[in-house]
Amino acid sequence: MTIDRAVLMFAGIMVLISLALGLFVSPYWFLLTAFVGANMMQASVTGFCPAARLFKALGFKPGVAFE
């Protein structure tokens, strides 16, 4: 799995988890959904993504978007 795919998978999982927590635990968990979305927008503009750096350190193969 490449870094790009791992970042997309991680973001998707975080969105789904935060939606479930927002529905069943507390609406404040929707702030996590907003944070994930804002981070994805920021990464598309700047090319910097903390999750990509983590996956690179873990030994994932470079992709096209994050190297």
Protein backbone atom coordinates (compact mmCIF):
# COMPACT_ATOMS: atom_id res chain seq x y z
CA MET A 1 0.00 0.00 0.00
CA THR A 2 1.31 3.45 -0.87
CA ILE A 3 1.34 6.48 1.41
CA ASP A 4 -1.40 8.11 -0.70
CA ARG A 5 -3.77 5.19 -0.28
CA ALA A 6 -2.97 4.87 3.42
CA VAL A 7 -3.76 8.57 3.98
CA LEU A 8 -7.07 8.24 2.13
CA MET A 9 -7.96 5.10 4.09
CA PHE A 10 -7.06 6.75 7.40
CA ALA A 11 -9.10 9.88 6.58
CA GLY A 12 -12.10 7.77 5.58
CA ILE A 13 -11.93 5.69 8.73
CA MET A 14 -11.64 8.81 10.90
CA VAL A 15 -14.66 10.41 9.20
CA LEU A 16 -16.80 7.29 9.66
CA ILE A 17 -15.76 6.86 13.30
CA SER A 18 -16.41 10.52 14.10
CA LEU A 19 -19.81 10.39 12.40
CA ALA A 20 -20.80 7.35 14.45
CA LEU A 21 -19.56 8.96 17.65
CA GLY A 22 -21.38 12.17 16.76
CA LEU A 23 -24.64 10.33 16.25
CA PHE A 24 -24.47 7.99 19.22
CA VAL A 25 -22.28 9.72 21.85
CA SER A 26 -22.10 13.49 21.50
CA PRO A 27 -22.54 16.02 18.68
CA TYR A 28 -19.16 17.49 19.63
CA TRP A 29 -17.53 14.55 17.80
CA PHE A 30 -18.60 16.21 14.54
CA LEU A 31 -15.75 18.64 15.19
CA LEU A 32 -13.37 15.76 14.44
CA THR A 33 -15.10 15.32 11.08
CA ALA A 34 -14.59 19.02 10.39
CA PHE A 35 -10.93 18.79 11.41
CA VAL A 36 -10.30 15.85 9.07
CA GLY A 37 -11.95 17.72 6.20
CA ALA A 38 -9.98 20.89 6.90
CA ASN A 39 -6.74 18.90 7.07
CA MET A 40 -7.49 17.27 3.72
CA MET A 41 -8.13 20.68 2.14
CA GLN A 42 -4.93 22.08 3.66
CA ALA A 43 -2.92 19.09 2.41
CA SER A 44 -4.26 19.52 -1.12
CA VAL A 45 -3.02 23.12 -1.19
CA THR A 46 0.29 22.83 0.67
CA GLY A 47 1.25 19.21 0.09
CA PHE A 48 1.94 18.79 3.82
CA CYS A 49 0.07 16.07 5.68
CA PRO A 50 1.03 14.86 9.16
CA ALA A 51 -0.49 11.43 8.49
CA ALA A 52 1.65 11.08 5.35
CA ARG A 53 4.78 11.77 7.39
CA LEU A 54 3.72 9.13 9.90
CA PHE A 55 3.09 6.53 7.21
CA LYS A 56 6.44 7.36 5.58
CA ALA A 57 8.18 6.81 8.92
CA LEU A 58 6.37 3.48 9.22
CA GLY A 59 7.90 2.37 5.91
CA PHE A 60 5.02 2.72 3.46
CA LYS A 61 5.99 3.10 -0.20
CA PRO A 62 5.89 6.62 -1.65
CA GLY A 63 2.95 7.51 -3.83
CA VAL A 64 2.25 10.25 -6.32
CA ALA A 65 0.79 12.91 -4.00
CA PHE A 66 2.91 12.31 -0.90
CA GLU A 67 6.53 11.23 -1.20
